Structure formats: structure tokens, C-alpha cells
């Protein structure tokens, strides 16, 4: 069961159509590009992806991203949330 914060994040994810950094920014710094490459690496490590990686929120300093995936060991749908602070995963 998701808490309110997690439910709000998933809701923002579902409303997002930003699948590349240029959807969120006109100009992308090298640091943001490296962070986005790290997000894509995390996404690629989850072999049973359901929905593509999306940017959930962005401001001039940082962005967050996420994707849904199926846990191979249980078959349950999970959510992966990526921020500057780290990676969180939870059941939907």
C-alpha cells in the first residue's frame, strides 16, 4: 500500500509526458545530462519494464524521474523513483 507521498509521485508520473531532458529544459548542463544518463542506466537494469522512463518534476536545480516495472521474483507491479537523493522502489 502506497502512502500519500508515494501516491502523489505516481500521479505526477502518470500525468507526465516528458521522456527526454529537452522536454523539461531548453538548455541542459553537463551535470544534468550525467544525472539523466544515470537514470537511464537504472532504468535499463530493470529488465521487466512496463512504462518508459519519464521525468516527473523539474526545476532549475534538479529533476526527478521514475518508471513502473514488474518485479521478476513476485510478478507485482512496482514503481522506481529517482532523485538527486537516491532511488526508492515501492509496490503500487
PDB file of N, CA and C in Angstrom:
ATOM      1  N   UNK A   1       0.835  -1.181   0.000  1.00  0.00           N
ATOM      2  CA  UNK A   1       0.000   0.000   0.000  1.00  0.00           C
ATOM      3  C   UNK A   1       0.883   1.249   0.000  1.00  0.00           C
ATOM      4  N   UNK A   2       0.611   2.149  -0.933  1.00  0.00           N
ATOM      5  CA  UNK A   2       1.385   3.385  -1.020  1.00  0.00           C
ATOM      6  C   UNK A   2       0.911   4.389   0.027  1.00  0.00           C
ATOM      7  N   UNK A   3       1.847   5.189   0.511  1.00  0.00           N
ATOM      8  CA  UNK A   3       1.457   6.298   1.369  1.00  0.00           C
ATOM      9  C   UNK A   3       1.064   7.490   0.491  1.00  0.00           C
ATOM     10  N   UNK A   4       0.631   8.583   1.101  1.00  0.00           N
ATOM     11  CA  UNK A   4       0.153   9.747   0.342  1.00  0.00           C
ATOM     12  C   UNK A   4       1.240  10.349  -0.537  1.00  0.00           C
ATOM     13  N   UNK A   5       2.448  10.421  -0.025  1.00  0.00           N
ATOM     14  CA  UNK A   5       3.564  10.968  -0.801  1.00  0.00           C
ATOM     15  C   UNK A   5       3.828  10.121  -2.035  1.00  0.00           C
ATOM     16  N   UNK A   6       3.888   8.805  -1.848  1.00  0.00           N
ATOM     17  CA  UNK A   6       4.133   7.906  -2.962  1.00  0.00           C
ATOM     18  C   UNK A   6       3.001   7.980  -3.985  1.00  0.00           C
ATOM     19  N   UNK A   7       1.755   8.035  -3.523  1.00  0.00           N
ATOM     20  CA  UNK A   7       0.611   8.134  -4.429  1.00  0.00           C
ATOM     21  C   UNK A   7       0.679   9.425  -5.242  1.00  0.00           C
ATOM     22  N   UNK A   8       1.091  10.525  -4.628  1.00  0.00           N
ATOM     23  CA  UNK A   8       1.220  11.800  -5.337  1.00  0.00           C
ATOM     24  C   UNK A   8       2.321  11.719  -6.395  1.00  0.00           C
ATOM     25  N   UNK A   9       3.421  11.037  -6.077  1.00  0.00           N
ATOM     26  CA  UNK A   9       4.509  10.871  -7.036  1.00  0.00           C
ATOM     27  C   UNK A   9       4.039  10.052  -8.237  1.00  0.00           C
ATOM     28  N   UNK A  10       3.344   8.945  -7.983  1.00  0.00           N
ATOM     29  CA  UNK A  10       2.843   8.109  -9.077  1.00  0.00           C
ATOM     30  C   UNK A  10       1.831   8.889  -9.914  1.00  0.00           C
ATOM     31  N   UNK A  11       0.982   9.691  -9.272  1.00  0.00           N
ATOM     32  CA  UNK A  11       0.017  10.517 -10.003  1.00  0.00           C
ATOM     33  C   UNK A  11       0.741  11.501 -10.922  1.00  0.00           C
ATOM     34  N   UNK A  12       1.785  12.150 -10.419  1.00  0.00           N
ATOM     35  CA  UNK A  12       2.573  13.067 -11.247  1.00  0.00           C
ATOM     36  C   UNK A  12       3.239  12.324 -12.400  1.00  0.00           C
ATOM     37  N   UNK A  13       3.728  11.127 -12.130  1.00  0.00           N
ATOM     38  CA  UNK A  13       4.324  10.285 -13.172  1.00  0.00           C
ATOM     39  C   UNK A  13       3.306   9.986 -14.281  1.00  0.00           C
ATOM     40  N   UNK A  14       2.105   9.611 -13.880  1.00  0.00           N
ATOM     41  CA  UNK A  14       1.070   9.253 -14.859  1.00  0.00           C
ATOM     42  C   UNK A  14       0.650  10.444 -15.709  1.00  0.00           C
ATOM     43  N   UNK A  15       0.757  11.657 -15.191  1.00  0.00           N
ATOM     44  CA  UNK A  15       0.395  12.854 -15.944  1.00  0.00           C
ATOM     45  C   UNK A  15       1.542  13.388 -16.799  1.00  0.00           C
ATOM     46  N   UNK A  16       2.748  12.899 -16.565  1.00  0.00           N
ATOM     47  CA  UNK A  16       3.918  13.398 -17.284  1.00  0.00           C
ATOM     48  C   UNK A  16       4.029  12.782 -18.673  1.00  0.00           C
ATOM     49  N   UNK A  17       4.470  13.609 -19.621  1.00  0.00           N
ATOM     50  CA  UNK A  17       4.792  13.092 -20.956  1.00  0.00           C
ATOM     51  C   UNK A  17       6.241  13.436 -21.321  1.00  0.00           C
ATOM     52  N   UNK A  18       7.047  13.769 -20.304  1.00  0.00           N
ATOM     53  CA  UNK A  18       8.446  14.153 -20.526  1.00  0.00           C
ATOM     54  C   UNK A  18       9.337  12.912 -20.494  1.00  0.00           C
ATOM     55  N   UNK A  19       9.802  12.497 -21.653  1.00  0.00           N
ATOM     56  CA  UNK A  19      10.634  11.301 -21.741  1.00  0.00           C
ATOM     57  C   UNK A  19      12.092  11.608 -22.090  1.00  0.00           C
ATOM     58  N   UNK A  20      12.407  12.869 -22.263  1.00  0.00           N
ATOM     59  CA  UNK A  20      13.780  13.299 -22.535  1.00  0.00           C
ATOM     60  C   UNK A  20      14.030  14.609 -21.800  1.00  0.00           C
ATOM     61  N   UNK A  21      15.282  14.896 -21.493  1.00  0.00           N
ATOM     62  CA  UNK A  21      15.604  16.117 -20.757  1.00  0.00           C
ATOM     63  C   UNK A  21      15.155  17.375 -21.485  1.00  0.00           C
ATOM     64  N   UNK A  22      15.242  17.385 -22.811  1.00  0.00           N
ATOM     65  CA  UNK A  22      14.846  18.586 -23.540  1.00  0.00           C
ATOM     66  C   UNK A  22      13.341  18.844 -23.452  1.00  0.00           C
ATOM     67  N   UNK A  23      12.558  17.893 -22.967  1.00  0.00           N
ATOM     68  CA  UNK A  23      11.136  18.142 -22.710  1.00  0.00           C
ATOM     69  C   UNK A  23      10.960  19.013 -21.465  1.00  0.00           C
ATOM     70  N   UNK A  24      11.930  18.992 -20.570  1.00  0.00           N
ATOM     71  CA  UNK A  24      11.842  19.759 -19.318  1.00  0.00           C
ATOM     72  C   UNK A  24      12.715  21.020 -19.336  1.00  0.00           C
ATOM     73  N   UNK A  25      13.769  21.021 -20.123  1.00  0.00           N
ATOM     74  CA  UNK A  25      14.728  22.129 -20.117  1.00  0.00           C
ATOM     75  C   UNK A  25      15.040  22.591 -21.539  1.00  0.00           C
ATOM     76  N   UNK A  26      15.228  23.892 -21.709  1.00  0.00           N
ATOM     77  CA  UNK A  26      15.669  24.430 -23.001  1.00  0.00           C
ATOM     78  C   UNK A  26      17.169  24.224 -23.175  1.00  0.00           C
ATOM     79  N   UNK A  27      17.888  24.333 -22.064  1.00  0.00           N
ATOM     80  CA  UNK A  27      19.329  24.154 -22.067  1.00  0.00           C
ATOM     81  C   UNK A  27      19.677  23.165 -20.961  1.00  0.00           C
ATOM     82  N   UNK A  28      20.533  22.213 -21.276  1.00  0.00           N
ATOM     83  CA  UNK A  28      20.863  21.145 -20.316  1.00  0.00           C
ATOM     84  C   UNK A  28      22.346  21.216 -19.965  1.00  0.00           C
ATOM     85  N   UNK A  29      22.621  21.321 -18.677  1.00  0.00           N
ATOM     86  CA  UNK A  29      24.013  21.348 -18.219  1.00  0.00           C
ATOM     87  C   UNK A  29      24.615  19.945 -18.307  1.00  0.00           C
ATOM     88  N   UNK A  30      25.925  19.896 -18.263  1.00  0.00           N
ATOM     89  CA  UNK A  30      26.626  18.601 -18.274  1.00  0.00           C
ATOM     90  C   UNK A  30      26.246  17.784 -17.047  1.00  0.00           C
ATOM     91  N   UNK A  31      26.066  18.436 -15.926  1.00  0.00           N
ATOM     92  CA  UNK A  31      25.703  17.742 -14.691  1.00  0.00           C
ATOM     93  C   UNK A  31      24.302  17.118 -14.794  1.00  0.00           C
ATOM     94  N   UNK A  32      23.363  17.852 -15.359  1.00  0.00           N
ATOM     95  CA  UNK A  32      22.012  17.295 -15.545  1.00  0.00           C
ATOM     96  C   UNK A  32      22.047  16.142 -16.548  1.00  0.00           C
ATOM     97  N   UNK A  33      22.833  16.292 -17.603  1.00  0.00           N
ATOM     98  CA  UNK A  33      22.944  15.217 -18.599  1.00  0.00           C
ATOM     99  C   UNK A  33      23.526  13.958 -17.973  1.00  0.00           C
ATOM    100  N   UNK A  34      24.515  14.108 -17.105  1.00  0.00           N
ATOM    101  CA  UNK A  34      25.092  12.952 -16.417  1.00  0.00           C
ATOM    102  C   UNK A  34      24.057  12.307 -15.500  1.00  0.00           C
ATOM    103  N   UNK A  35      23.280  13.128 -14.798  1.00  0.00           N
ATOM    104  CA  UNK A  35      22.221  12.599 -13.926  1.00  0.00           C
ATOM    105  C   UNK A  35      21.183  11.842 -14.752  1.00  0.00           C
ATOM    106  N   UNK A  36      20.823  12.368 -15.923  1.00  0.00           N
ATOM    107  CA  UNK A  36      19.859  11.696 -16.797  1.00  0.00           C
ATOM    108  C   UNK A  36      20.423  10.371 -17.305  1.00  0.00           C
ATOM    109  N   UNK A  37      21.699  10.342 -17.637  1.00  0.00           N
ATOM    110  CA  UNK A  37      22.339   9.091 -18.070  1.00  0.00           C
ATOM    111  C   UNK A  37      22.300   8.062 -16.937  1.00  0.00           C
ATOM    112  N   UNK A  38      22.471   8.508 -15.712  1.00  0.00           N
ATOM    113  CA  UNK A  38      22.376   7.613 -14.558  1.00  0.00           C
ATOM    114  C   UNK A  38      20.948   7.063 -14.427  1.00  0.00           C
ATOM    115  N   UNK A  39      19.950   7.911 -14.638  1.00  0.00           N
ATOM    116  CA  UNK A  39      18.549   7.450 -14.604  1.00  0.00           C
ATOM    117  C   UNK A  39      18.316   6.376 -15.669  1.00  0.00           C
ATOM    118  N   UNK A  40      18.842   6.609 -16.865  1.00  0.00           N
ATOM    119  CA  UNK A  40      18.665   5.635 -17.951  1.00  0.00           C
ATOM    120  C   UNK A  40      19.366   4.315 -17.631  1.00  0.00           C
ATOM    121  N   UNK A  41      20.486   4.392 -16.931  1.00  0.00           N
ATOM    122  CA  UNK A  41      21.199   3.177 -16.521  1.00  0.00           C
ATOM    123  C   UNK A  41      20.356   2.377 -15.523  1.00  0.00           C
ATOM    124  N   UNK A  42      19.778   3.061 -14.543  1.00  0.00           N
ATOM    125  CA  UNK A  42      18.912   2.399 -13.561  1.00  0.00           C
ATOM    126  C   UNK A  42      17.710   1.779 -14.271  1.00  0.00           C
ATOM    127  N   UNK A  43      17.136   2.514 -15.196  1.00  0.00           N
ATOM    128  CA  UNK A  43      16.003   2.013 -15.980  1.00  0.00           C
ATOM    129  C   UNK A  43      16.392   0.750 -16.755  1.00  0.00           C
ATOM    130  N   UNK A  44      17.544   0.761 -17.367  1.00  0.00           N
ATOM    131  CA  UNK A  44      17.999  -0.386 -18.164  1.00  0.00           C
ATOM    132  C   UNK A  44      18.247  -1.616 -17.302  1.00  0.00           C
ATOM    133  N   UNK A  45      18.601  -1.428 -16.036  1.00  0.00           N
ATOM    134  CA  UNK A  45      18.855  -2.548 -15.140  1.00  0.00           C
ATOM    135  C   UNK A  45      17.584  -3.300 -14.746  1.00  0.00           C
ATOM    136  N   UNK A  46      16.438  -2.667 -14.910  1.00  0.00           N
ATOM    137  CA  UNK A  46      15.156  -3.306 -14.604  1.00  0.00           C
ATOM    138  C   UNK A  46      14.615  -3.905 -15.903  1.00  0.00           C
ATOM    139  N   UNK A  47      14.851  -5.179 -16.093  1.00  0.00           N
ATOM    140  CA  UNK A  47      14.559  -5.833 -17.371  1.00  0.00           C
ATOM    141  C   UNK A  47      13.072  -5.942 -17.675  1.00  0.00           C
ATOM    142  N   UNK A  48      12.237  -5.936 -16.654  1.00  0.00           N
ATOM    143  CA  UNK A  48      10.804  -6.130 -16.886  1.00  0.00           C
ATOM    144  C   UNK A  48      10.058  -4.801 -16.747  1.00  0.00           C
ATOM    145  N   UNK A  49      10.433  -3.858 -17.580  1.00  0.00           N
ATOM    146  CA  UNK A  49       9.827  -2.532 -17.555  1.00  0.00           C
ATOM    147  C   UNK A  49       8.417  -2.577 -18.150  1.00  0.00           C
ATOM    148  N   UNK A  50       7.526  -1.762 -17.595  1.00  0.00           N
ATOM    149  CA  UNK A  50       6.163  -1.648 -18.108  1.00  0.00           C
ATOM    150  C   UNK A  50       6.014  -0.372 -18.927  1.00  0.00           C
ATOM    151  N   UNK A  51       6.398   0.742 -18.349  1.00  0.00           N
ATOM    152  CA  UNK A  51       6.255   2.050 -18.982  1.00  0.00           C
ATOM    153  C   UNK A  51       7.623   2.710 -19.024  1.00  0.00           C
ATOM    154  N   UNK A  52       7.867   3.457 -20.076  1.00  0.00           N
ATOM    155  CA  UNK A  52       9.165   4.090 -20.258  1.00  0.00           C
ATOM    156  C   UNK A  52       9.505   5.080 -19.143  1.00  0.00           C
ATOM    157  N   UNK A  53      10.760   5.337 -19.015  1.00  0.00           N
ATOM    158  CA  UNK A  53      11.283   6.300 -18.056  1.00  0.00           C
ATOM    159  C   UNK A  53      10.719   7.683 -18.375  1.00  0.00           C
ATOM    160  N   UNK A  54      10.237   8.368 -17.339  1.00  0.00           N
ATOM    161  CA  UNK A  54       9.688   9.713 -17.513  1.00  0.00           C
ATOM    162  C   UNK A  54      10.261  10.659 -16.465  1.00  0.00           C
ATOM    163  N   UNK A  55      10.388  11.909 -16.849  1.00  0.00           N
ATOM    164  CA  UNK A  55      10.718  12.952 -15.888  1.00  0.00           C
ATOM    165  C   UNK A  55       9.421  13.316 -15.186  1.00  0.00           C
ATOM    166  N   UNK A  56       9.450  13.288 -13.872  1.00  0.00           N
ATOM    167  CA  UNK A  56       8.240  13.543 -13.090  1.00  0.00           C
ATOM    168  C   UNK A  56       8.124  15.012 -12.724  1.00  0.00           C
ATOM    169  N   UNK A  57       9.219  15.608 -12.318  1.00  0.00           N
ATOM    170  CA  UNK A  57       9.226  17.013 -11.947  1.00  0.00           C
ATOM    171  C   UNK A  57      10.587  17.605 -12.234  1.00  0.00           C
ATOM    172  N   UNK A  58      10.610  18.914 -12.498  1.00  0.00           N
ATOM    173  CA  UNK A  58      11.879  19.565 -12.809  1.00  0.00           C
ATOM    174  C   UNK A  58      11.819  21.030 -12.391  1.00  0.00           C
ATOM    175  N   UNK A  59      12.936  21.508 -11.877  1.00  0.00           N
ATOM    176  CA  UNK A  59      13.103  22.937 -11.656  1.00  0.00           C
ATOM    177  C   UNK A  59      14.495  23.308 -12.137  1.00  0.00           C
ATOM    178  N   UNK A  60      14.917  24.518 -11.905  1.00  0.00           N
ATOM    179  CA  UNK A  60      16.200  24.942 -12.452  1.00  0.00           C
ATOM    180  C   UNK A  60      17.393  24.223 -11.818  1.00  0.00           C
ATOM    181  N   UNK A  61      17.201  23.616 -10.655  1.00  0.00           N
ATOM    182  CA  UNK A  61      18.310  22.974  -9.952  1.00  0.00           C
ATOM    183  C   UNK A  61      18.385  21.460 -10.148  1.00  0.00           C
ATOM    184  N   UNK A  62      17.233  20.796 -10.230  1.00  0.00           N
ATOM    185  CA  UNK A  62      17.226  19.326 -10.276  1.00  0.00           C
ATOM    186  C   UNK A  62      15.935  18.807 -10.882  1.00  0.00           C
ATOM    187  N   UNK A  63      15.909  17.497 -11.124  1.00  0.00           N
ATOM    188  CA  UNK A  63      14.709  16.842 -11.643  1.00  0.00           C
ATOM    189  C   UNK A  63      14.546  15.498 -10.959  1.00  0.00           C
ATOM    190  N   UNK A  64      13.346  14.953 -11.074  1.00  0.00           N
ATOM    191  CA  UNK A  64      13.083  13.594 -10.596  1.00  0.00           C
ATOM    192  C   UNK A  64      12.530  12.795 -11.764  1.00  0.00           C
ATOM    193  N   UNK A  65      12.731  11.487 -11.703  1.00  0.00           N
ATOM    194  CA  UNK A  65      12.288  10.611 -12.780  1.00  0.00           C
ATOM    195  C   UNK A  65      11.750   9.322 -12.176  1.00  0.00           C
ATOM    196  N   UNK A  66      11.050   8.553 -12.987  1.00  0.00           N
ATOM    197  CA  UNK A  66      10.538   7.290 -12.493  1.00  0.00           C
ATOM    198  C   UNK A  66      10.009   6.408 -13.606  1.00  0.00           C
ATOM    199  N   UNK A  67       9.703   5.181 -13.226  1.00  0.00           N
ATOM    200  CA  UNK A  67       9.114   4.220 -14.155  1.00  0.00           C
ATOM    201  C   UNK A  67       8.470   3.093 -13.369  1.00  0.00           C
ATOM    202  N   UNK A  68       7.523   2.428 -14.007  1.00  0.00           N
ATOM    203  CA  UNK A  68       6.895   1.240 -13.426  1.00  0.00           C
ATOM    204  C   UNK A  68       7.594   0.014 -13.986  1.00  0.00           C
ATOM    205  N   UNK A  69       7.657  -1.034 -13.175  1.00  0.00           N
ATOM    206  CA  UNK A  69       8.245  -2.283 -13.644  1.00  0.00           C
ATOM    207  C   UNK A  69       7.592  -3.447 -12.918  1.00  0.00           C
ATOM    208  N   UNK A  70       7.766  -4.627 -13.475  1.00  0.00           N
ATOM    209  CA  UNK A  70       7.267  -5.838 -12.845  1.00  0.00           C
ATOM    210  C   UNK A  70       8.422  -6.516 -12.132  1.00  0.00           C
ATOM    211  N   UNK A  71       8.247  -6.763 -10.840  1.00  0.00           N
ATOM    212  CA  UNK A  71       9.289  -7.444 -10.067  1.00  0.00           C
ATOM    213  C   UNK A  71       9.393  -8.884 -10.562  1.00  0.00           C
ATOM    214  N   UNK A  72      10.557  -9.318 -11.031  1.00  0.00           N
ATOM    215  CA  UNK A  72      10.679 -10.666 -11.590  1.00  0.00           C
ATOM    216  C   UNK A  72      10.407 -11.769 -10.573  1.00  0.00           C
ATOM    217  N   UNK A  73      10.727 -11.521  -9.312  1.00  0.00           N
ATOM    218  CA  UNK A  73      10.551 -12.571  -8.310  1.00  0.00           C
ATOM    219  C   UNK A  73       9.101 -12.751  -7.867  1.00  0.00           C
ATOM    220  N   UNK A  74       8.287 -11.676  -7.969  1.00  0.00           N
ATOM    221  CA  UNK A  74       6.895 -11.768  -7.498  1.00  0.00           C
ATOM    222  C   UNK A  74       5.860 -11.523  -8.583  1.00  0.00           C
ATOM    223  N   UNK A  75       6.263 -10.875  -9.680  1.00  0.00           N
ATOM    224  CA  UNK A  75       5.315 -10.527 -10.729  1.00  0.00           C
ATOM    225  C   UNK A  75       4.468  -9.306 -10.397  1.00  0.00           C
ATOM    226  N   UNK A  76       4.744  -8.663  -9.264  1.00  0.00           N
ATOM    227  CA  UNK A  76       3.976  -7.488  -8.854  1.00  0.00           C
ATOM    228  C   UNK A  76       4.498  -6.229  -9.543  1.00  0.00           C
ATOM    229  N   UNK A  77       3.577  -5.298  -9.785  1.00  0.00           N
ATOM    230  CA  UNK A  77       3.948  -4.016 -10.359  1.00  0.00           C
ATOM    231  C   UNK A  77       4.553  -3.159  -9.259  1.00  0.00           C
ATOM    232  N   UNK A  78       5.731  -2.608  -9.551  1.00  0.00           N
ATOM    233  CA  UNK A  78       6.440  -1.748  -8.604  1.00  0.00           C
ATOM    234  C   UNK A  78       6.745  -0.427  -9.284  1.00  0.00           C
ATOM    235  N   UNK A  79       7.117   0.544  -8.497  1.00  0.00           N
ATOM    236  CA  UNK A  79       7.471   1.856  -9.027  1.00  0.00           C
ATOM    237  C   UNK A  79       8.881   2.199  -8.576  1.00  0.00           C
ATOM    238  N   UNK A  80       9.670   2.740  -9.462  1.00  0.00           N
ATOM    239  CA  UNK A  80      11.017   3.193  -9.163  1.00  0.00           C
ATOM    240  C   UNK A  80      11.052   4.709  -9.304  1.00  0.00           C
ATOM    241  N   UNK A  81      11.461   5.387  -8.236  1.00  0.00           N
ATOM    242  CA  UNK A  81      11.513   6.851  -8.171  1.00  0.00           C
ATOM    243  C   UNK A  81      12.963   7.263  -7.978  1.00  0.00           C
ATOM    244  N   UNK A  82      13.455   8.121  -8.870  1.00  0.00           N
ATOM    245  CA  UNK A  82      14.860   8.507  -8.879  1.00  0.00           C
ATOM    246  C   UNK A  82      14.963  10.014  -8.651  1.00  0.00           C
ATOM    247  N   UNK A  83      15.744  10.388  -7.644  1.00  0.00           N
ATOM    248  CA  UNK A  83      16.007  11.793  -7.358  1.00  0.00           C
ATOM    249  C   UNK A  83      17.497  11.983  -7.113  1.00  0.00           C
ATOM    250  N   UNK A  84      17.866  13.228  -6.906  1.00  0.00           N
ATOM    251  CA  UNK A  84      19.256  13.535  -6.570  1.00  0.00           C
ATOM    252  C   UNK A  84      19.674  12.831  -5.284  1.00  0.00           C
ATOM    253  N   UNK A  85      18.704  12.618  -4.396  1.00  0.00           N
ATOM    254  CA  UNK A  85      18.981  11.993  -3.099  1.00  0.00           C
ATOM    255  C   UNK A  85      19.134  10.480  -3.169  1.00  0.00           C
ATOM    256  N   UNK A  86      18.643   9.857  -4.237  1.00  0.00           N
ATOM    257  CA  UNK A  86      18.760   8.412  -4.346  1.00  0.00           C
ATOM    258  C   UNK A  86      17.607   7.778  -5.093  1.00  0.00           C
ATOM    259  N   UNK A  87      17.486   6.475  -4.935  1.00  0.00           N
ATOM    260  CA  UNK A  87      16.481   5.674  -5.633  1.00  0.00           C
ATOM    261  C   UNK A  87      15.581   5.009  -4.601  1.00  0.00           C
ATOM    262  N   UNK A  88      14.273   5.096  -4.842  1.00  0.00           N
ATOM    263  CA  UNK A  88      13.297   4.417  -3.991  1.00  0.00           C
ATOM    264  C   UNK A  88      12.451   3.500  -4.869  1.00  0.00           C
ATOM    265  N   UNK A  89      12.064   2.386  -4.332  1.00  0.00           N
ATOM    266  CA  UNK A  89      11.143   1.486  -5.030  1.00  0.00           C
ATOM    267  C   UNK A  89      10.037   1.088  -4.067  1.00  0.00           C
ATOM    268  N   UNK A  90       8.814   0.953  -4.585  1.00  0.00           N
ATOM    269  CA  UNK A  90       7.694   0.503  -3.767  1.00  0.00           C
ATOM    270  C   UNK A  90       6.658  -0.185  -4.629  1.00  0.00           C
ATOM    271  N   UNK A  91       5.796  -0.975  -3.958  1.00  0.00           N
ATOM    272  CA  UNK A  91       4.684  -1.634  -4.637  1.00  0.00           C
ATOM    273  C   UNK A  91       3.601  -0.620  -4.933  1.00  0.00           C
ATOM    274  N   UNK A  92       2.925  -0.811  -6.060  1.00  0.00           N
ATOM    275  CA  UNK A  92       1.824   0.082  -6.392  1.00  0.00           C
ATOM    276  C   UNK A  92       0.527  -0.479  -5.887  1.00  0.00           C
TER     277      UNK A  92
END
